């Protein structure tokens, strides 16, 4: 593949490259390029994780780059995911998350056999060099910088946190150096960690990243855009909003599994997809921080050959095909495209393209994982744990009856009203 073609593949649909000059130099050097993207293990996989991230990973693989998916079980434990139960986190990582990401990668046209998966526990076990790198990185960052960097955990800067969470960013930086990664990749919300990665590159003493000439080099950080949740931003933006303000609001709006109504998961049914998009925030003619336009750009027009069909009655303009996001955005801004018509078009595009993995990813392996989750405290039934194995066979991964795609909010093992749903700890409304 020609150098310019490789750069184009690596660069497209990215928000930022640190830096473009370093990327070109890395490619022109002919040195092996090693990519990585890390994920906390925190529950179900939504479209932002499963599709937006994996579409970018496919670009890297198409460019001839080896891609590593890092299952960050230690980071999830530090960040109190899945009730902070380390064994559950590891179980979900291997038996669910890994399989879900494989399925999502297949959804975007990738070959999942080309993905490399590494579990954090396996990387760290018995590795003196890793912990040497952790200390080496820590010696070159300040406490105040670590306190500012906890936003990469999805936590507010200045919040009162346990000390382990201040170690999290240092470990994330050390992951990259320990695996000899020269192309770390993440969403824009992880930017602070990657800036530290580059800032300490020439200061590390024990295990720096070097090129073929044994010269210290800085990893090239790739940041893709964040897929927005479907809800309204907590703060309005206008023409006077600074770039930093817009970035902060964007990060606060990113799709999150903890906000179920504004997230679509790779397991959601067709009806669930349509219903959630129908209720989405999409004010007329507003193109800044509009979730539906964001989805059109990142999910529909991420590939140059994609197009969007908008179906309308003749009196409202009739059927129209869009082959360019720019034209679609212009029509929406002018008021020539109604929000409801755009929502319907996006929903049908997702459904028709099978751009979701309905109850398909890692289901067989997840039975034992869900049992573990229930045992660790999410079931409040009295004496019902003896019937777990029998009743689990009657239910699918996400709490739907196997023969009826409808949500229930009763305990899967005792049938009583559930304080929590079985969706990895999500609070549920009880069923009358």
Protein backbone atom coordinates (compact mmCIF):
# COMPACT_ATOMS: atom_id res chain seq x y z
CA UNK A 1 0.00 0.00 0.00
CA UNK A 2 1.27 3.47 -0.90
CA UNK A 3 2.23 5.80 1.93
CA UNK A 4 -0.43 8.41 1.09
CA UNK A 5 -3.15 5.76 0.93
CA UNK A 6 -2.09 4.39 4.32
CA UNK A 7 -2.09 7.87 5.87
CA UNK A 8 -5.56 8.53 4.45
CA UNK A 9 -6.94 5.30 5.93
CA UNK A 10 -5.40 5.96 9.33
CA UNK A 11 -6.52 9.60 9.38
CA UNK A 12 -10.10 9.45 8.13
CA UNK A 13 -12.96 9.97 10.60
CA UNK A 14 -10.48 11.03 13.27
CA UNK A 15 -10.90 14.06 15.49
CA UNK A 16 -7.22 14.56 16.19
CA UNK A 17 -3.78 13.09 15.48
CA UNK A 18 -0.87 13.82 17.81
CA UNK A 19 0.85 14.61 15.55
CA UNK A 20 0.34 14.35 11.81
CA UNK A 21 4.04 15.00 11.24
CA UNK A 22 5.00 12.18 13.60
CA UNK A 23 2.51 9.86 11.91
CA UNK A 24 4.04 10.48 8.50
CA UNK A 25 7.54 10.00 9.89
CA UNK A 26 6.51 6.71 11.52
CA UNK A 27 5.00 5.37 8.30
CA UNK A 28 7.88 6.55 6.11
CA UNK A 29 10.40 4.94 8.48
CA UNK A 30 9.08 1.49 7.58
CA UNK A 31 9.07 0.53 11.25
CA UNK A 32 6.42 -1.95 12.39
CA UNK A 33 3.33 -0.07 13.56
CA UNK A 34 1.69 -1.42 16.70
CA UNK A 35 -1.83 -0.20 17.51
CA UNK A 36 -3.79 -0.52 20.72
CA UNK A 37 -7.13 0.60 22.12
CA UNK A 38 -8.12 -0.14 25.70
CA UNK A 39 -11.58 -0.68 27.19
CA UNK A 40 -12.79 -0.73 30.77
CA UNK A 41 -14.99 -3.74 31.44
CA UNK A 42 -18.21 -2.22 32.70
CA UNK A 43 -21.22 -3.99 31.23
CA UNK A 44 -23.04 -4.12 27.94
CA UNK A 45 -21.45 -2.85 24.74
CA UNK A 46 -23.16 0.13 23.10
CA UNK A 47 -22.77 1.47 19.56
CA UNK A 48 -20.12 4.00 20.54
CA UNK A 49 -17.84 1.24 21.76
CA UNK A 50 -18.91 -1.54 19.44
CA UNK A 51 -19.25 0.27 16.13
CA UNK A 52 -17.52 3.66 16.15
CA UNK A 53 -14.37 2.28 17.77
CA UNK A 54 -14.32 -0.87 15.68
CA UNK A 55 -14.93 0.99 12.40
CA UNK A 56 -11.70 2.87 13.11
CA UNK A 57 -9.92 -0.35 14.06
CA UNK A 58 -10.96 -1.79 10.69
CA UNK A 59 -9.28 1.17 8.97
CA UNK A 60 -6.05 0.35 10.78
CA UNK A 61 -6.22 -3.32 9.84
CA UNK A 62 -7.00 -2.39 6.22
CA UNK A 63 -3.83 -0.28 6.35
CA UNK A 64 -1.84 -3.38 7.31
CA UNK A 65 -1.47 -2.58 11.01
CA UNK A 66 -1.67 -5.16 13.80
CA UNK A 67 -4.45 -4.11 16.19
CA UNK A 68 -4.66 -4.94 19.88
CA UNK A 69 -7.85 -4.74 21.95
CA UNK A 70 -6.80 -4.30 25.58
CA UNK A 71 -9.30 -5.63 28.12
CA UNK A 72 -8.57 -3.33 31.05
CA UNK A 73 -9.81 -5.41 33.97
CA UNK A 74 -7.53 -3.74 36.53
CA UNK A 75 -8.67 -0.29 35.39
CA UNK A 76 -12.31 -1.37 35.67
CA UNK A 77 -11.65 -2.62 39.20
CA UNK A 78 -9.94 0.64 40.19
CA UNK A 79 -12.91 2.56 38.75
CA UNK A 80 -15.45 0.48 40.73
CA UNK A 81 -17.12 -1.08 37.69
CA UNK A 82 -19.44 -4.09 38.14
CA UNK A 83 -19.69 -3.40 41.87
CA UNK A 84 -15.91 -3.52 42.14
CA UNK A 85 -15.87 -7.33 42.06
CA UNK A 86 -12.57 -8.26 40.42
CA UNK A 87 -13.48 -11.85 39.58
CA UNK A 88 -16.73 -10.76 37.94
CA UNK A 89 -14.87 -8.13 35.92
CA UNK A 90 -12.38 -10.70 34.60
CA UNK A 91 -15.18 -13.15 33.82
CA UNK A 92 -17.18 -10.55 31.90
CA UNK A 93 -14.03 -9.40 30.07
CA UNK A 94 -13.17 -12.82 28.69
CA UNK A 95 -16.59 -14.42 28.28
CA UNK A 96 -18.69 -11.44 27.20
CA UNK A 97 -16.77 -8.32 26.23
CA UNK A 98 -14.26 -10.08 24.03
CA UNK A 99 -17.00 -11.97 22.17
CA UNK A 100 -19.15 -8.84 21.86
CA UNK A 101 -16.30 -6.88 20.31
CA UNK A 102 -15.60 -9.68 17.86
CA UNK A 103 -19.25 -9.61 16.78
CA UNK A 104 -19.24 -5.82 16.50
CA UNK A 105 -16.10 -5.97 14.35
CA UNK A 106 -17.79 -8.47 12.04
CA UNK A 107 -20.74 -6.03 11.84
CA UNK A 108 -18.51 -3.34 10.30
CA UNK A 109 -17.06 -5.79 7.80
CA UNK A 110 -13.95 -6.83 9.69
CA UNK A 111 -12.37 -10.25 10.16
CA UNK A 112 -12.31 -10.80 13.93
CA UNK A 113 -9.58 -13.45 13.63
CA UNK A 114 -7.17 -10.59 12.91
CA UNK A 115 -7.81 -8.91 16.27
CA UNK A 116 -5.36 -9.40 19.14
CA UNK A 117 -6.93 -9.43 22.62
CA UNK A 118 -4.86 -8.89 25.77
CA UNK A 119 -6.27 -9.03 29.30
CA UNK A 120 -4.69 -6.61 31.75
CA UNK A 121 -4.23 -9.32 34.37
CA UNK A 122 -2.26 -11.43 31.91
CA UNK A 123 -0.08 -8.48 30.92
CA UNK A 124 0.82 -7.55 34.49
CA UNK A 125 1.20 -11.00 36.03
CA UNK A 126 4.80 -11.59 37.08
CA UNK A 127 6.03 -8.58 35.09
CA UNK A 128 8.64 -6.64 36.98
CA UNK A 129 9.22 -4.50 33.89
CA UNK A 130 5.61 -3.28 33.86
CA UNK A 131 5.70 -2.01 37.43
CA UNK A 132 9.10 -0.45 36.78
CA UNK A 133 7.46 1.49 33.96
CA UNK A 134 4.58 2.56 36.23
CA UNK A 135 7.07 4.10 38.67
CA UNK A 136 9.17 5.59 35.87
CA UNK A 137 6.09 7.35 34.45
CA UNK A 138 4.95 8.45 37.92
CA UNK A 139 8.33 10.12 38.55
CA UNK A 140 7.68 12.46 35.62
CA UNK A 141 4.13 13.62 36.37
CA UNK A 142 2.84 15.76 39.21
CA UNK A 143 0.08 15.02 41.69
CA UNK A 144 -1.93 17.99 40.41
CA UNK A 145 -1.73 16.63 36.87
CA UNK A 146 -3.03 13.25 38.04
CA UNK A 147 -5.90 15.00 39.80
CA UNK A 148 -6.76 16.83 36.57
CA UNK A 149 -6.51 13.59 34.60
CA UNK A 150 -9.18 11.66 36.47
CA UNK A 151 -11.67 12.88 33.87
CA UNK A 152 -10.43 9.95 31.75
CA UNK A 153 -12.21 7.75 34.31
CA UNK A 154 -15.48 9.55 33.60
CA UNK A 155 -15.17 11.45 36.88
CA UNK A 156 -15.27 15.17 37.50
CA UNK A 157 -12.05 17.03 38.08
CA UNK A 158 -11.68 18.07 41.71
CA UNK A 159 -13.83 15.27 43.07
CA UNK A 160 -12.90 13.34 46.20
CA UNK A 161 -11.54 9.98 45.04
CA UNK A 162 -9.55 7.14 46.55
CA UNK A 163 -5.83 7.13 45.80
CA UNK A 164 -6.05 4.13 43.44
CA UNK A 165 -7.89 6.31 40.93
CA UNK A 166 -4.91 8.66 40.76
CA UNK A 167 -2.74 5.68 39.80
CA UNK A 168 -5.13 4.79 36.95
CA UNK A 169 -3.74 7.36 34.43
CA UNK A 170 -0.16 6.31 35.20
CA UNK A 171 -1.05 2.66 34.57
CA UNK A 172 -2.75 3.59 31.30
CA UNK A 173 0.42 5.33 30.14
CA UNK A 174 2.56 2.40 31.31
CA UNK A 175 0.33 -0.03 29.37
CA UNK A 176 1.33 1.69 26.14
CA UNK A 177 5.06 1.63 26.84
CA UNK A 178 5.08 -1.91 28.21
CA UNK A 179 3.38 -3.25 25.07
CA UNK A 180 5.72 -1.17 22.86
CA UNK A 181 2.75 0.60 21.26
CA UNK A 182 3.60 3.39 18.82
CA UNK A 183 -0.01 4.04 17.71
CA UNK A 184 -2.30 4.35 20.76
CA UNK A 185 -5.94 4.94 19.82
CA UNK A 186 -8.97 6.12 21.82
CA UNK A 187 -11.88 8.50 21.86
CA UNK A 188 -11.31 12.18 22.57
CA UNK A 189 -12.25 11.59 26.21
CA UNK A 190 -8.89 9.83 26.71
CA UNK A 191 -6.84 12.70 25.31
CA UNK A 192 -5.28 13.70 28.64
CA UNK A 193 -3.73 10.26 29.07
CA UNK A 194 -2.25 10.32 25.59
CA UNK A 195 -0.79 13.79 26.09
CA UNK A 196 1.02 12.41 29.15
CA UNK A 197 2.21 9.47 27.05
CA UNK A 198 3.91 11.87 24.67
CA UNK A 199 5.17 14.26 27.35
CA UNK A 200 7.11 11.55 29.22
CA UNK A 201 8.46 9.82 26.10
CA UNK A 202 11.94 11.35 26.22
CA UNK A 203 12.17 11.22 30.03
CA UNK A 204 11.70 7.51 30.71
CA UNK A 205 14.88 5.80 31.85
CA UNK A 206 14.08 2.10 32.05
CA UNK A 207 11.79 1.04 29.20
CA UNK A 208 11.25 3.90 26.72
CA UNK A 209 9.79 3.48 23.26
CA UNK A 210 12.56 3.42 20.67
CA UNK A 211 12.80 3.19 16.90
CA UNK A 212 14.94 0.83 14.84
CA UNK A 213 17.95 3.06 15.51
CA UNK A 214 17.40 2.75 19.28
CA UNK A 215 16.37 6.42 19.48
CA UNK A 216 13.59 7.45 21.87
CA UNK A 217 10.37 8.31 20.03
CA UNK A 218 6.93 9.59 20.98
CA UNK A 219 3.89 7.38 20.30
CA UNK A 220 1.47 8.82 17.74
CA UNK A 221 -1.95 9.22 19.38
CA UNK A 222 -5.11 8.80 17.29
CA UNK A 223 -8.40 10.14 18.64
CA UNK A 224 -11.75 9.37 17.04
CA UNK A 225 -14.90 11.41 17.57
CA UNK A 226 -17.26 10.46 20.38
CA UNK A 227 -20.67 9.05 19.55
CA UNK A 228 -23.16 11.18 21.44
CA UNK A 229 -25.92 9.83 23.61
CA UNK A 230 -29.43 10.66 22.49
CA UNK A 231 -30.18 13.03 25.36
CA UNK A 232 -30.15 16.81 25.62
CA UNK A 233 -26.87 18.52 26.61
CA UNK A 234 -26.75 19.76 30.19
CA UNK A 235 -25.44 23.10 28.95
CA UNK A 236 -26.42 24.99 25.82
CA UNK A 237 -23.80 25.99 23.26
CA UNK A 238 -23.76 28.98 20.94
CA UNK A 239 -21.48 30.76 18.49
CA UNK A 240 -19.59 32.31 21.40
CA UNK A 241 -18.78 28.98 23.06
CA UNK A 242 -15.06 28.27 23.14
CA UNK A 243 -13.52 25.15 21.64
CA UNK A 244 -12.67 23.90 25.15
CA UNK A 245 -16.27 24.44 26.34
CA UNK A 246 -17.64 22.51 23.37
CA UNK A 247 -15.15 19.70 24.00
CA UNK A 248 -16.19 19.43 27.67
CA UNK A 249 -19.89 19.40 26.79
CA UNK A 250 -19.25 16.82 24.07
CA UNK A 251 -17.50 14.54 26.55
CA UNK A 252 -20.39 14.91 28.99
CA UNK A 253 -22.83 13.94 26.21
CA UNK A 254 -20.97 10.84 25.04
CA UNK A 255 -22.98 7.65 24.91
CA UNK A 256 -22.94 5.88 28.25
CA UNK A 257 -24.33 2.51 29.27
CA UNK A 258 -25.42 4.09 32.56
CA UNK A 259 -27.89 6.27 30.63
CA UNK A 260 -29.89 3.52 29.00
CA UNK A 261 -32.59 5.67 27.41
CA UNK A 262 -29.98 7.64 25.47
CA UNK A 263 -27.84 4.66 24.47
CA UNK A 264 -28.35 1.92 21.92
CA UNK A 265 -26.68 -1.38 22.67
CA UNK A 266 -25.45 -3.92 20.17
CA UNK A 267 -28.10 -6.28 21.58
CA UNK A 268 -31.10 -3.93 21.21
CA UNK A 269 -34.03 -5.11 19.13
CA UNK A 270 -35.25 -3.30 16.02
CA UNK A 271 -38.20 -1.88 17.95
CA UNK A 272 -35.93 -0.64 20.74
CA UNK A 273 -33.68 1.09 18.22
CA UNK A 274 -36.61 2.86 16.55
CA UNK A 275 -38.19 3.89 19.85
CA UNK A 276 -35.01 5.34 21.36
CA UNK A 277 -34.15 7.31 18.23
CA UNK A 278 -37.72 8.63 17.99
CA UNK A 279 -37.36 10.15 21.47
CA UNK A 280 -33.89 11.58 20.81
CA UNK A 281 -32.92 15.21 21.23
CA UNK A 282 -32.84 16.73 17.75
CA UNK A 283 -33.88 20.41 17.65
CA UNK A 284 -34.71 21.80 14.19
CA UNK A 285 -31.87 23.49 12.32
CA UNK A 286 -29.36 22.98 15.16
CA UNK A 287 -26.19 21.36 13.88
CA UNK A 288 -23.91 21.77 16.92
CA UNK A 289 -24.05 18.87 19.39
CA UNK A 290 -27.07 17.35 17.69
CA UNK A 291 -26.98 13.60 18.49
CA UNK A 292 -28.84 12.51 15.36
CA UNK A 293 -26.54 14.46 13.05
CA UNK A 294 -23.60 13.07 15.02
CA UNK A 295 -24.90 9.55 14.35
CA UNK A 296 -25.39 10.31 10.66
CA UNK A 297 -21.78 11.45 10.41
CA UNK A 298 -20.17 8.65 12.45
CA UNK A 299 -22.40 5.66 11.71
CA UNK A 300 -23.79 6.30 8.23
CA UNK A 301 -21.24 8.45 6.40
CA UNK A 302 -18.14 6.94 8.01
CA UNK A 303 -17.59 5.10 4.73
CA UNK A 304 -17.38 7.08 1.48
CA UNK A 305 -19.75 4.74 -0.37
CA UNK A 306 -22.61 5.00 2.14
CA UNK A 307 -25.81 6.92 1.54
CA UNK A 308 -28.97 7.71 3.48
CA UNK A 309 -32.53 7.39 2.19
CA UNK A 310 -35.06 9.81 3.65
CA UNK A 311 -38.64 8.71 3.03
CA UNK A 312 -41.31 11.43 3.09
CA UNK A 313 -44.75 12.03 1.66
CA UNK A 314 -44.70 13.90 -1.64
CA UNK A 315 -46.23 16.96 0.01
CA UNK A 316 -43.18 17.14 2.31
CA UNK A 317 -40.63 16.72 -0.46
CA UNK A 318 -40.82 13.03 -1.29
CA UNK A 319 -37.98 10.52 -1.10
CA UNK A 320 -34.46 11.93 -1.11
CA UNK A 321 -31.08 10.20 -1.12
CA UNK A 322 -28.05 11.72 0.56
CA UNK A 323 -24.57 10.56 -0.41
CA UNK A 324 -22.76 13.31 1.49
CA UNK A 325 -22.94 14.29 5.15
CA UNK A 326 -22.16 17.89 4.25
CA UNK A 327 -25.25 18.17 2.03
CA UNK A 328 -27.43 16.51 4.67
CA UNK A 329 -26.18 18.93 7.33
CA UNK A 330 -26.83 21.91 5.02
CA UNK A 331 -30.41 20.78 4.34
CA UNK A 332 -31.04 20.30 8.06
CA UNK A 333 -29.62 23.73 8.89
CA UNK A 334 -31.80 25.38 6.23
CA UNK A 335 -34.90 23.60 7.54
CA UNK A 336 -35.34 21.53 4.38
CA UNK A 337 -35.02 18.32 6.41
CA UNK A 338 -37.38 17.81 9.35
CA UNK A 339 -35.98 16.23 12.55
CA UNK A 340 -38.55 13.42 12.54
CA UNK A 341 -37.76 12.51 8.93
CA UNK A 342 -34.05 12.43 9.78
CA UNK A 343 -34.68 10.29 12.87
CA UNK A 344 -36.74 7.79 10.90
CA UNK A 345 -34.07 7.59 8.20
CA UNK A 346 -31.27 6.97 10.72
CA UNK A 347 -33.29 4.33 12.56
CA UNK A 348 -34.11 2.41 9.39
CA UNK A 349 -30.52 2.66 8.20
CA UNK A 350 -29.30 1.06 11.41
CA UNK A 351 -31.92 -1.66 11.27
CA UNK A 352 -31.60 -2.41 7.54
CA UNK A 353 -27.81 -2.49 7.70
CA UNK A 354 -27.84 -4.98 10.57
CA UNK A 355 -25.57 -2.52 12.32
CA UNK A 356 -26.36 -4.17 15.62
CA UNK A 357 -25.82 -7.62 17.10
CA UNK A 358 -29.12 -8.70 18.59
CA UNK A 359 -28.72 -11.14 21.49
CA UNK A 360 -25.82 -12.69 19.66
CA UNK A 361 -22.55 -11.71 21.25
CA UNK A 362 -21.18 -14.21 23.72
CA UNK A 363 -24.60 -15.38 24.86
CA UNK A 364 -23.66 -18.99 25.55
CA UNK A 365 -20.69 -17.99 27.67
CA UNK A 366 -22.63 -15.27 29.47
CA UNK A 367 -24.91 -17.65 31.38
CA UNK A 368 -22.12 -18.35 33.85
CA UNK A 369 -21.17 -14.67 33.92
CA UNK A 370 -24.70 -13.61 34.84
CA UNK A 371 -24.78 -16.25 37.55
CA UNK A 372 -21.63 -14.70 39.00
CA UNK A 373 -23.19 -11.23 38.87
CA UNK A 374 -26.31 -12.39 40.68
CA UNK A 375 -24.31 -14.17 43.35
CA UNK A 376 -22.29 -11.01 44.01
CA UNK A 377 -25.35 -9.21 45.28
CA UNK A 378 -27.76 -8.11 42.57
CA UNK A 379 -30.46 -10.60 43.50
CA UNK A 380 -32.56 -9.86 46.59
CA UNK A 381 -34.65 -13.03 46.53
CA UNK A 382 -34.83 -15.15 49.69
CA UNK A 383 -33.18 -18.53 49.32
CA UNK A 384 -33.46 -18.50 45.55
CA UNK A 385 -29.83 -19.10 44.65
CA UNK A 386 -30.41 -22.87 44.54
CA UNK A 387 -32.55 -22.40 41.44
CA UNK A 388 -30.15 -20.15 39.54
CA UNK A 389 -28.88 -22.66 37.01
CA UNK A 390 -32.34 -23.96 36.14
CA UNK A 391 -33.93 -20.55 35.73
CA UNK A 392 -31.01 -19.01 33.82
CA UNK A 393 -31.66 -21.46 31.01
CA UNK A 394 -35.10 -19.89 30.51
CA UNK A 395 -33.78 -16.37 29.99
CA UNK A 396 -31.52 -14.74 27.47
CA UNK A 397 -28.54 -12.48 28.05
CA UNK A 398 -30.38 -9.25 28.71
CA UNK A 399 -33.44 -10.34 30.66
CA UNK A 400 -35.87 -10.99 27.80
CA UNK A 401 -37.89 -14.16 27.67
CA UNK A 402 -36.28 -16.33 25.04
CA UNK A 403 -39.52 -16.72 23.09
CA UNK A 404 -40.77 -13.15 23.57
CA UNK A 405 -38.69 -10.03 23.03
CA UNK A 406 -40.10 -8.05 25.90
CA UNK A 407 -38.40 -6.57 28.94
CA UNK A 408 -39.20 -7.94 32.37
CA UNK A 409 -38.15 -6.48 35.67
CA UNK A 410 -38.36 -9.48 37.94
CA UNK A 411 -35.52 -11.43 39.45
CA UNK A 412 -34.37 -14.12 37.03
CA UNK A 413 -33.90 -16.65 39.79
CA UNK A 414 -36.87 -16.15 42.12
CA UNK A 415 -39.42 -14.20 40.07
CA UNK A 416 -39.83 -11.52 42.72
CA UNK A 417 -39.86 -7.83 41.90
CA UNK A 418 -36.28 -6.82 41.21
CA UNK A 419 -34.51 -4.03 43.00
CA UNK A 420 -32.07 -4.22 40.12
CA UNK A 421 -32.50 -5.56 36.66
CA UNK A 422 -30.09 -8.28 35.60
CA UNK A 423 -28.36 -5.84 33.27
CA UNK A 424 -25.14 -5.76 35.25
CA UNK A 425 -26.54 -3.71 38.09
CA UNK A 426 -28.73 -1.20 36.27
CA UNK A 427 -31.53 -0.01 38.54
CA UNK A 428 -34.89 -1.07 37.16
CA UNK A 429 -38.48 -0.02 37.58
CA UNK A 430 -40.41 -2.78 39.29
CA UNK A 431 -43.17 -4.57 37.44
CA UNK A 432 -46.63 -4.63 38.95
